Amino acid sequence: MRMKRTKLAYKQAIKTNRVDEESYFSDELNDLLLSKDVSKFWRSWDAKMGGAKISPVIDGVTDSSLIAQKFADLFQNNCC
């Protein structure tokens, strides 16, 4: 019986900690947005979410300069 209570308390502690962690992230990010501190917001976002994920292949191309050129061409054709 004692083992079940201990296991239940353990699971409850994990759940409480997870909820507190999620609340802390959203509260901190919300405060930075409200203060209109965009650079700190994105630094905090990257720190919490693991930074930017870069795709190794975009439209069949892996070289960053070719990807940039394809984007520029597409943007120019659609916006002008």
PDB file of N, CA and C in Angstrom:
ATOM      1  N   MET A   1       0.825  -1.200   0.000  1.00  0.00           N
ATOM      2  CA  MET A   1       0.000   0.000   0.000  1.00  0.00           C
ATOM      3  C   MET A   1       0.865   1.258   0.000  1.00  0.00           C
ATOM      4  N   ARG A   2       1.918   1.246   0.804  1.00  0.00           N
ATOM      5  CA  ARG A   2       2.798   2.408   0.889  1.00  0.00           C
ATOM      6  C   ARG A   2       3.477   2.679  -0.457  1.00  0.00           C
ATOM      7  N   MET A   3       3.799   1.611  -1.175  1.00  0.00           N
ATOM      8  CA  MET A   3       4.456   1.743  -2.472  1.00  0.00           C
ATOM      9  C   MET A   3       3.539   2.458  -3.461  1.00  0.00           C
ATOM     10  N   LYS A   4       2.242   2.146  -3.434  1.00  0.00           N
ATOM     11  CA  LYS A   4       1.292   2.799  -4.335  1.00  0.00           C
ATOM     12  C   LYS A   4       1.197   4.286  -4.034  1.00  0.00           C
ATOM     13  N   ARG A   5       1.165   4.644  -2.740  1.00  0.00           N
ATOM     14  CA  ARG A   5       1.095   6.059  -2.368  1.00  0.00           C
ATOM     15  C   ARG A   5       2.347   6.802  -2.810  1.00  0.00           C
ATOM     16  N   THR A   6       3.488   6.166  -2.666  1.00  0.00           N
ATOM     17  CA  THR A   6       4.752   6.777  -3.072  1.00  0.00           C
ATOM     18  C   THR A   6       4.789   6.985  -4.581  1.00  0.00           C
ATOM     19  N   LYS A   7       4.338   5.980  -5.314  1.00  0.00           N
ATOM     20  CA  LYS A   7       4.312   6.089  -6.775  1.00  0.00           C
ATOM     21  C   LYS A   7       3.355   7.192  -7.215  1.00  0.00           C
ATOM     22  N   LEU A   8       2.198   7.278  -6.585  1.00  0.00           N
ATOM     23  CA  LEU A   8       1.224   8.316  -6.904  1.00  0.00           C
ATOM     24  C   LEU A   8       1.791   9.703  -6.592  1.00  0.00           C
ATOM     25  N   ALA A   9       2.465   9.842  -5.461  1.00  0.00           N
ATOM     26  CA  ALA A   9       3.071  11.121  -5.098  1.00  0.00           C
ATOM     27  C   ALA A   9       4.161  11.505  -6.096  1.00  0.00           C
ATOM     28  N   TYR A  10       4.926  10.527  -6.542  1.00  0.00           N
ATOM     29  CA  TYR A  10       5.980  10.755  -7.535  1.00  0.00           C
ATOM     30  C   TYR A  10       5.382  11.261  -8.853  1.00  0.00           C
ATOM     31  N   LYS A  11       4.349  10.583  -9.327  1.00  0.00           N
ATOM     32  CA  LYS A  11       3.703  10.988 -10.580  1.00  0.00           C
ATOM     33  C   LYS A  11       3.092  12.386 -10.454  1.00  0.00           C
ATOM     34  N   GLN A  12       2.494  12.676  -9.313  1.00  0.00           N
ATOM     35  CA  GLN A  12       1.895  13.988  -9.092  1.00  0.00           C
ATOM     36  C   GLN A  12       2.964  15.078  -9.084  1.00  0.00           C
ATOM     37  N   ALA A  13       4.114  14.791  -8.488  1.00  0.00           N
ATOM     38  CA  ALA A  13       5.212  15.765  -8.449  1.00  0.00           C
ATOM     39  C   ALA A  13       5.722  16.051  -9.856  1.00  0.00           C
ATOM     40  N   ILE A  14       5.834  15.030 -10.679  1.00  0.00           N
ATOM     41  CA  ILE A  14       6.268  15.225 -12.071  1.00  0.00           C
ATOM     42  C   ILE A  14       5.263  16.085 -12.823  1.00  0.00           C
ATOM     43  N   LYS A  15       3.990  15.784 -12.665  1.00  0.00           N
ATOM     44  CA  LYS A  15       2.937  16.549 -13.348  1.00  0.00           C
ATOM     45  C   LYS A  15       2.953  18.017 -12.908  1.00  0.00           C
ATOM     46  N   THR A  16       3.065  18.243 -11.599  1.00  0.00           N
ATOM     47  CA  THR A  16       3.097  19.608 -11.072  1.00  0.00           C
ATOM     48  C   THR A  16       4.306  20.372 -11.604  1.00  0.00           C
ATOM     49  N   ASN A  17       5.450  19.707 -11.627  1.00  0.00           N
ATOM     50  CA  ASN A  17       6.674  20.342 -12.125  1.00  0.00           C
ATOM     51  C   ASN A  17       6.545  20.685 -13.595  1.00  0.00           C
ATOM     52  N   ARG A  18       5.943  19.808 -14.387  1.00  0.00           N
ATOM     53  CA  ARG A  18       5.771  20.054 -15.819  1.00  0.00           C
ATOM     54  C   ARG A  18       4.849  21.260 -16.046  1.00  0.00           C
ATOM     55  N   VAL A  19       3.770  21.341 -15.307  1.00  0.00           N
ATOM     56  CA  VAL A  19       2.832  22.461 -15.436  1.00  0.00           C
ATOM     57  C   VAL A  19       3.521  23.767 -15.034  1.00  0.00           C
ATOM     58  N   ASP A  20       4.281  23.743 -13.947  1.00  0.00           N
ATOM     59  CA  ASP A  20       5.009  24.936 -13.508  1.00  0.00           C
ATOM     60  C   ASP A  20       6.020  25.389 -14.558  1.00  0.00           C
ATOM     61  N   GLU A  21       6.709  24.433 -15.167  1.00  0.00           N
ATOM     62  CA  GLU A  21       7.708  24.743 -16.187  1.00  0.00           C
ATOM     63  C   GLU A  21       7.058  25.402 -17.395  1.00  0.00           C
ATOM     64  N   GLU A  22       5.954  24.843 -17.877  1.00  0.00           N
ATOM     65  CA  GLU A  22       5.250  25.411 -19.025  1.00  0.00           C
ATOM     66  C   GLU A  22       4.727  26.802 -18.710  1.00  0.00           C
ATOM     67  N   SER A  23       4.223  26.994 -17.504  1.00  0.00           N
ATOM     68  CA  SER A  23       3.716  28.297 -17.090  1.00  0.00           C
ATOM     69  C   SER A  23       4.850  29.314 -17.040  1.00  0.00           C
ATOM     70  N   TYR A  24       6.003  28.909 -16.535  1.00  0.00           N
ATOM     71  CA  TYR A  24       7.148  29.815 -16.454  1.00  0.00           C
ATOM     72  C   TYR A  24       7.562  30.264 -17.840  1.00  0.00           C
ATOM     73  N   PHE A  25       7.652  29.330 -18.795  1.00  0.00           N
ATOM     74  CA  PHE A  25       8.037  29.691 -20.155  1.00  0.00           C
ATOM     75  C   PHE A  25       7.071  30.695 -20.739  1.00  0.00           C
ATOM     76  N   SER A  26       5.790  30.411 -20.637  1.00  0.00           N
ATOM     77  CA  SER A  26       4.811  31.294 -21.259  1.00  0.00           C
ATOM     78  C   SER A  26       4.750  32.640 -20.542  1.00  0.00           C
ATOM     79  N   ASP A  27       4.894  32.656 -19.209  1.00  0.00           N
ATOM     80  CA  ASP A  27       4.873  33.920 -18.476  1.00  0.00           C
ATOM     81  C   ASP A  27       6.062  34.799 -18.858  1.00  0.00           C
ATOM     82  N   GLU A  28       7.240  34.194 -18.921  1.00  0.00           N
ATOM     83  CA  GLU A  28       8.431  34.980 -19.261  1.00  0.00           C
ATOM     84  C   GLU A  28       8.341  35.525 -20.684  1.00  0.00           C
ATOM     85  N   LEU A  29       7.935  34.686 -21.620  1.00  0.00           N
ATOM     86  CA  LEU A  29       7.809  35.138 -23.006  1.00  0.00           C
ATOM     87  C   LEU A  29       6.727  36.204 -23.134  1.00  0.00           C
ATOM     88  N   ASN A  30       5.640  36.030 -22.420  1.00  0.00           N
ATOM     89  CA  ASN A  30       4.560  37.020 -22.437  1.00  0.00           C
ATOM     90  C   ASN A  30       5.046  38.361 -21.887  1.00  0.00           C
ATOM     91  N   ASP A  31       5.799  38.328 -20.795  1.00  0.00           N
ATOM     92  CA  ASP A  31       6.316  39.571 -20.220  1.00  0.00           C
ATOM     93  C   ASP A  31       7.244  40.290 -21.192  1.00  0.00           C
ATOM     94  N   LEU A  32       8.076  39.532 -21.892  1.00  0.00           N
ATOM     95  CA  LEU A  32       8.981  40.152 -22.861  1.00  0.00           C
ATOM     96  C   LEU A  32       8.211  40.746 -24.035  1.00  0.00           C
ATOM     97  N   LEU A  33       7.153  40.071 -24.458  1.00  0.00           N
ATOM     98  CA  LEU A  33       6.328  40.629 -25.528  1.00  0.00           C
ATOM     99  C   LEU A  33       5.625  41.906 -25.086  1.00  0.00           C
ATOM    100  N   LEU A  34       5.085  41.879 -23.877  1.00  0.00           N
ATOM    101  CA  LEU A  34       4.387  43.060 -23.374  1.00  0.00           C
ATOM    102  C   LEU A  34       5.321  44.255 -23.206  1.00  0.00           C
ATOM    103  N   SER A  35       6.574  43.977 -22.860  1.00  0.00           N
ATOM    104  CA  SER A  35       7.534  45.072 -22.708  1.00  0.00           C
ATOM    105  C   SER A  35       8.103  45.513 -24.056  1.00  0.00           C
ATOM    106  N   LYS A  36       7.686  44.824 -25.121  1.00  0.00           N
ATOM    107  CA  LYS A  36       8.099  45.131 -26.494  1.00  0.00           C
ATOM    108  C   LYS A  36       9.611  45.040 -26.683  1.00  0.00           C
ATOM    109  N   ASP A  37      10.221  44.118 -25.951  1.00  0.00           N
ATOM    110  CA  ASP A  37      11.649  43.876 -26.079  1.00  0.00           C
ATOM    111  C   ASP A  37      11.837  42.669 -27.002  1.00  0.00           C
ATOM    112  N   VAL A  38      11.829  42.947 -28.288  1.00  0.00           N
ATOM    113  CA  VAL A  38      11.817  41.892 -29.292  1.00  0.00           C
ATOM    114  C   VAL A  38      13.097  41.069 -29.275  1.00  0.00           C
ATOM    115  N   SER A  39      14.247  41.724 -29.139  1.00  0.00           N
ATOM    116  CA  SER A  39      15.501  40.965 -29.172  1.00  0.00           C
ATOM    117  C   SER A  39      15.607  40.012 -27.981  1.00  0.00           C
ATOM    118  N   LYS A  40      15.217  40.446 -26.784  1.00  0.00           N
ATOM    119  CA  LYS A  40      15.233  39.553 -25.623  1.00  0.00           C
ATOM    120  C   LYS A  40      14.199  38.447 -25.773  1.00  0.00           C
ATOM    121  N   PHE A  41      13.050  38.777 -26.367  1.00  0.00           N
ATOM    122  CA  PHE A  41      12.026  37.759 -26.600  1.00  0.00           C
ATOM    123  C   PHE A  41      12.585  36.627 -27.455  1.00  0.00           C
ATOM    124  N   TRP A  42      13.217  36.974 -28.582  1.00  0.00           N
ATOM    125  CA  TRP A  42      13.711  35.929 -29.477  1.00  0.00           C
ATOM    126  C   TRP A  42      14.893  35.183 -28.880  1.00  0.00           C
ATOM    127  N   ARG A  43      15.744  35.861 -28.102  1.00  0.00           N
ATOM    128  CA  ARG A  43      16.827  35.151 -27.412  1.00  0.00           C
ATOM    129  C   ARG A  43      16.248  34.136 -26.430  1.00  0.00           C
ATOM    130  N   SER A  44      15.226  34.556 -25.692  1.00  0.00           N
ATOM    131  CA  SER A  44      14.581  33.664 -24.740  1.00  0.00           C
ATOM    132  C   SER A  44      13.888  32.514 -25.469  1.00  0.00           C
ATOM    133  N   TRP A  45      13.211  32.821 -26.555  1.00  0.00           N
ATOM    134  CA  TRP A  45      12.527  31.806 -27.354  1.00  0.00           C
ATOM    135  C   TRP A  45      13.527  30.741 -27.829  1.00  0.00           C
ATOM    136  N   ASP A  46      14.649  31.203 -28.415  1.00  0.00           N
ATOM    137  CA  ASP A  46      15.657  30.274 -28.918  1.00  0.00           C
ATOM    138  C   ASP A  46      16.238  29.415 -27.801  1.00  0.00           C
ATOM    139  N   ALA A  47      16.467  30.028 -26.636  1.00  0.00           N
ATOM    140  CA  ALA A  47      17.015  29.277 -25.507  1.00  0.00           C
ATOM    141  C   ALA A  47      16.042  28.205 -25.030  1.00  0.00           C
ATOM    142  N   LYS A  48      14.758  28.517 -25.026  1.00  0.00           N
ATOM    143  CA  LYS A  48      13.760  27.582 -24.513  1.00  0.00           C
ATOM    144  C   LYS A  48      13.353  26.534 -25.543  1.00  0.00           C
ATOM    145  N   MET A  49      13.318  26.910 -26.781  1.00  0.00           N
ATOM    146  CA  MET A  49      12.820  26.011 -27.818  1.00  0.00           C
ATOM    147  C   MET A  49      13.924  25.320 -28.600  1.00  0.00           C
ATOM    148  N   GLY A  50      15.153  25.544 -28.247  1.00  0.00           N
ATOM    149  CA  GLY A  50      16.244  24.830 -28.903  1.00  0.00           C
ATOM    150  C   GLY A  50      16.814  25.516 -30.120  1.00  0.00           C
ATOM    151  N   GLY A  51      16.511  26.770 -30.327  1.00  0.00           N
ATOM    152  CA  GLY A  51      17.072  27.510 -31.451  1.00  0.00           C
ATOM    153  C   GLY A  51      16.392  27.194 -32.767  1.00  0.00           C
ATOM    154  N   ALA A  52      16.874  27.823 -33.793  1.00  0.00           N
ATOM    155  CA  ALA A  52      16.295  27.658 -35.124  1.00  0.00           C
ATOM    156  C   ALA A  52      16.692  26.307 -35.702  1.00  0.00           C
ATOM    157  N   LYS A  53      15.759  25.680 -36.343  1.00  0.00           N
ATOM    158  CA  LYS A  53      16.012  24.426 -37.032  1.00  0.00           C
ATOM    159  C   LYS A  53      16.202  24.753 -38.508  1.00  0.00           C
ATOM    160  N   ILE A  54      17.349  24.401 -39.044  1.00  0.00           N
ATOM    161  CA  ILE A  54      17.658  24.712 -40.435  1.00  0.00           C
ATOM    162  C   ILE A  54      17.434  23.465 -41.274  1.00  0.00           C
ATOM    163  N   SER A  55      16.661  23.623 -42.317  1.00  0.00           N
ATOM    164  CA  SER A  55      16.385  22.499 -43.205  1.00  0.00           C
ATOM    165  C   SER A  55      17.583  22.284 -44.115  1.00  0.00           C
ATOM    166  N   PRO A  56      18.058  21.059 -44.223  1.00  0.00           N
ATOM    167  CA  PRO A  56      19.212  20.810 -45.079  1.00  0.00           C
ATOM    168  C   PRO A  56      18.875  20.851 -46.568  1.00  0.00           C
ATOM    169  N   VAL A  57      17.612  20.636 -46.935  1.00  0.00           N
ATOM    170  CA  VAL A  57      17.215  20.642 -48.342  1.00  0.00           C
ATOM    171  C   VAL A  57      15.954  21.483 -48.500  1.00  0.00           C
ATOM    172  N   ILE A  58      16.030  22.487 -49.375  1.00  0.00           N
ATOM    173  CA  ILE A  58      14.871  23.327 -49.672  1.00  0.00           C
ATOM    174  C   ILE A  58      14.714  23.360 -51.177  1.00  0.00           C
ATOM    175  N   ASP A  59      13.571  22.877 -51.624  1.00  0.00           N
ATOM    176  CA  ASP A  59      13.266  22.831 -53.056  1.00  0.00           C
ATOM    177  C   ASP A  59      14.360  22.092 -53.829  1.00  0.00           C
ATOM    178  N   GLY A  60      14.908  21.041 -53.211  1.00  0.00           N
ATOM    179  CA  GLY A  60      15.928  20.224 -53.866  1.00  0.00           C
ATOM    180  C   GLY A  60      17.326  20.802 -53.828  1.00  0.00           C
ATOM    181  N   VAL A  61      17.538  21.909 -53.130  1.00  0.00           N
ATOM    182  CA  VAL A  61      18.840  22.572 -53.087  1.00  0.00           C
ATOM    183  C   VAL A  61      19.359  22.579 -51.653  1.00  0.00           C
ATOM    184  N   THR A  62      20.674  22.350 -51.491  1.00  0.00           N
ATOM    185  CA  THR A  62      21.261  22.359 -50.148  1.00  0.00           C
ATOM    186  C   THR A  62      22.199  23.535 -49.911  1.00  0.00           C
ATOM    187  N   ASP A  63      22.693  24.157 -50.951  1.00  0.00           N
ATOM    188  CA  ASP A  63      23.617  25.288 -50.808  1.00  0.00           C
ATOM    189  C   ASP A  63      22.853  26.545 -50.403  1.00  0.00           C
ATOM    190  N   SER A  64      23.281  27.201 -49.327  1.00  0.00           N
ATOM    191  CA  SER A  64      22.532  28.346 -48.805  1.00  0.00           C
ATOM    192  C   SER A  64      22.475  29.516 -49.786  1.00  0.00           C
ATOM    193  N   SER A  65      23.531  29.739 -50.550  1.00  0.00           N
ATOM    194  CA  SER A  65      23.498  30.855 -51.506  1.00  0.00           C
ATOM    195  C   SER A  65      22.529  30.565 -52.656  1.00  0.00           C
ATOM    196  N   LEU A  66      22.444  29.312 -53.088  1.00  0.00           N
ATOM    197  CA  LEU A  66      21.479  28.964 -54.137  1.00  0.00           C
ATOM    198  C   LEU A  66      20.048  29.053 -53.614  1.00  0.00           C
ATOM    199  N   ILE A  67      19.847  28.651 -52.359  1.00  0.00           N
ATOM    200  CA  ILE A  67      18.518  28.765 -51.749  1.00  0.00           C
ATOM    201  C   ILE A  67      18.107  30.230 -51.679  1.00  0.00           C
ATOM    202  N   ALA A  68      19.039  31.101 -51.271  1.00  0.00           N
ATOM    203  CA  ALA A  68      18.754  32.531 -51.188  1.00  0.00           C
ATOM    204  C   ALA A  68      18.418  33.090 -52.567  1.00  0.00           C
ATOM    205  N   GLN A  69      19.138  32.667 -53.588  1.00  0.00           N
ATOM    206  CA  GLN A  69      18.882  33.157 -54.943  1.00  0.00           C
ATOM    207  C   GLN A  69      17.518  32.681 -55.446  1.00  0.00           C
ATOM    208  N   LYS A  70      17.162  31.431 -55.159  1.00  0.00           N
ATOM    209  CA  LYS A  70      15.840  30.923 -55.559  1.00  0.00           C
ATOM    210  C   LYS A  70      14.735  31.722 -54.883  1.00  0.00           C
ATOM    211  N   PHE A  71      14.940  32.026 -53.594  1.00  0.00           N
ATOM    212  CA  PHE A  71      13.954  32.826 -52.875  1.00  0.00           C
ATOM    213  C   PHE A  71      13.839  34.215 -53.489  1.00  0.00           C
ATOM    214  N   ALA A  72      14.979  34.838 -53.777  1.00  0.00           N
ATOM    215  CA  ALA A  72      14.967  36.183 -54.369  1.00  0.00           C
ATOM    216  C   ALA A  72      14.240  36.176 -55.718  1.00  0.00           C
ATOM    217  N   ASP A  73      14.517  35.175 -56.543  1.00  0.00           N
ATOM    218  CA  ASP A  73      13.856  35.074 -57.840  1.00  0.00           C
ATOM    219  C   ASP A  73      12.350  34.891 -57.682  1.00  0.00           C
ATOM    220  N   LEU A  74      11.958  33.994 -56.800  1.00  0.00           N
ATOM    221  CA  LEU A  74      10.537  33.741 -56.548  1.00  0.00           C
ATOM    222  C   LEU A  74       9.851  34.996 -56.032  1.00  0.00           C
ATOM    223  N   PHE A  75      10.501  35.686 -55.081  1.00  0.00           N
ATOM    224  CA  PHE A  75       9.928  36.897 -54.509  1.00  0.00           C
ATOM    225  C   PHE A  75       9.781  37.987 -55.575  1.00  0.00           C
ATOM    226  N   GLN A  76      10.808  38.133 -56.395  1.00  0.00           N
ATOM    227  CA  GLN A  76      10.765  39.151 -57.459  1.00  0.00           C
ATOM    228  C   GLN A  76       9.663  38.856 -58.461  1.00  0.00           C
ATOM    229  N   ASN A  77       9.497  37.608 -58.832  1.00  0.00           N
ATOM    230  CA  ASN A  77       8.476  37.243 -59.817  1.00  0.00           C
ATOM    231  C   ASN A  77       7.063  37.418 -59.275  1.00  0.00           C
ATOM    232  N   ASN A  78       6.873  37.204 -57.987  1.00  0.00           N
ATOM    233  CA  ASN A  78       5.537  37.280 -57.404  1.00  0.00           C
ATOM    234  C   ASN A  78       5.160  38.669 -56.927  1.00  0.00           C
ATOM    235  N   CYS A  79       6.137  39.519 -56.667  1.00  0.00           N
ATOM    236  CA  CYS A  79       5.833  40.824 -56.081  1.00  0.00           C
ATOM    237  C   CYS A  79       5.974  41.980 -57.055  1.00  0.00           C
ATOM    238  N   CYS A  80       6.499  41.757 -58.216  1.00  0.00           N
ATOM    239  CA  CYS A  80       6.702  42.881 -59.150  1.00  0.00           C
ATOM    240  C   CYS A  80       5.851  42.774 -60.377  1.00  0.00           C
TER     241      CYS A  80
END
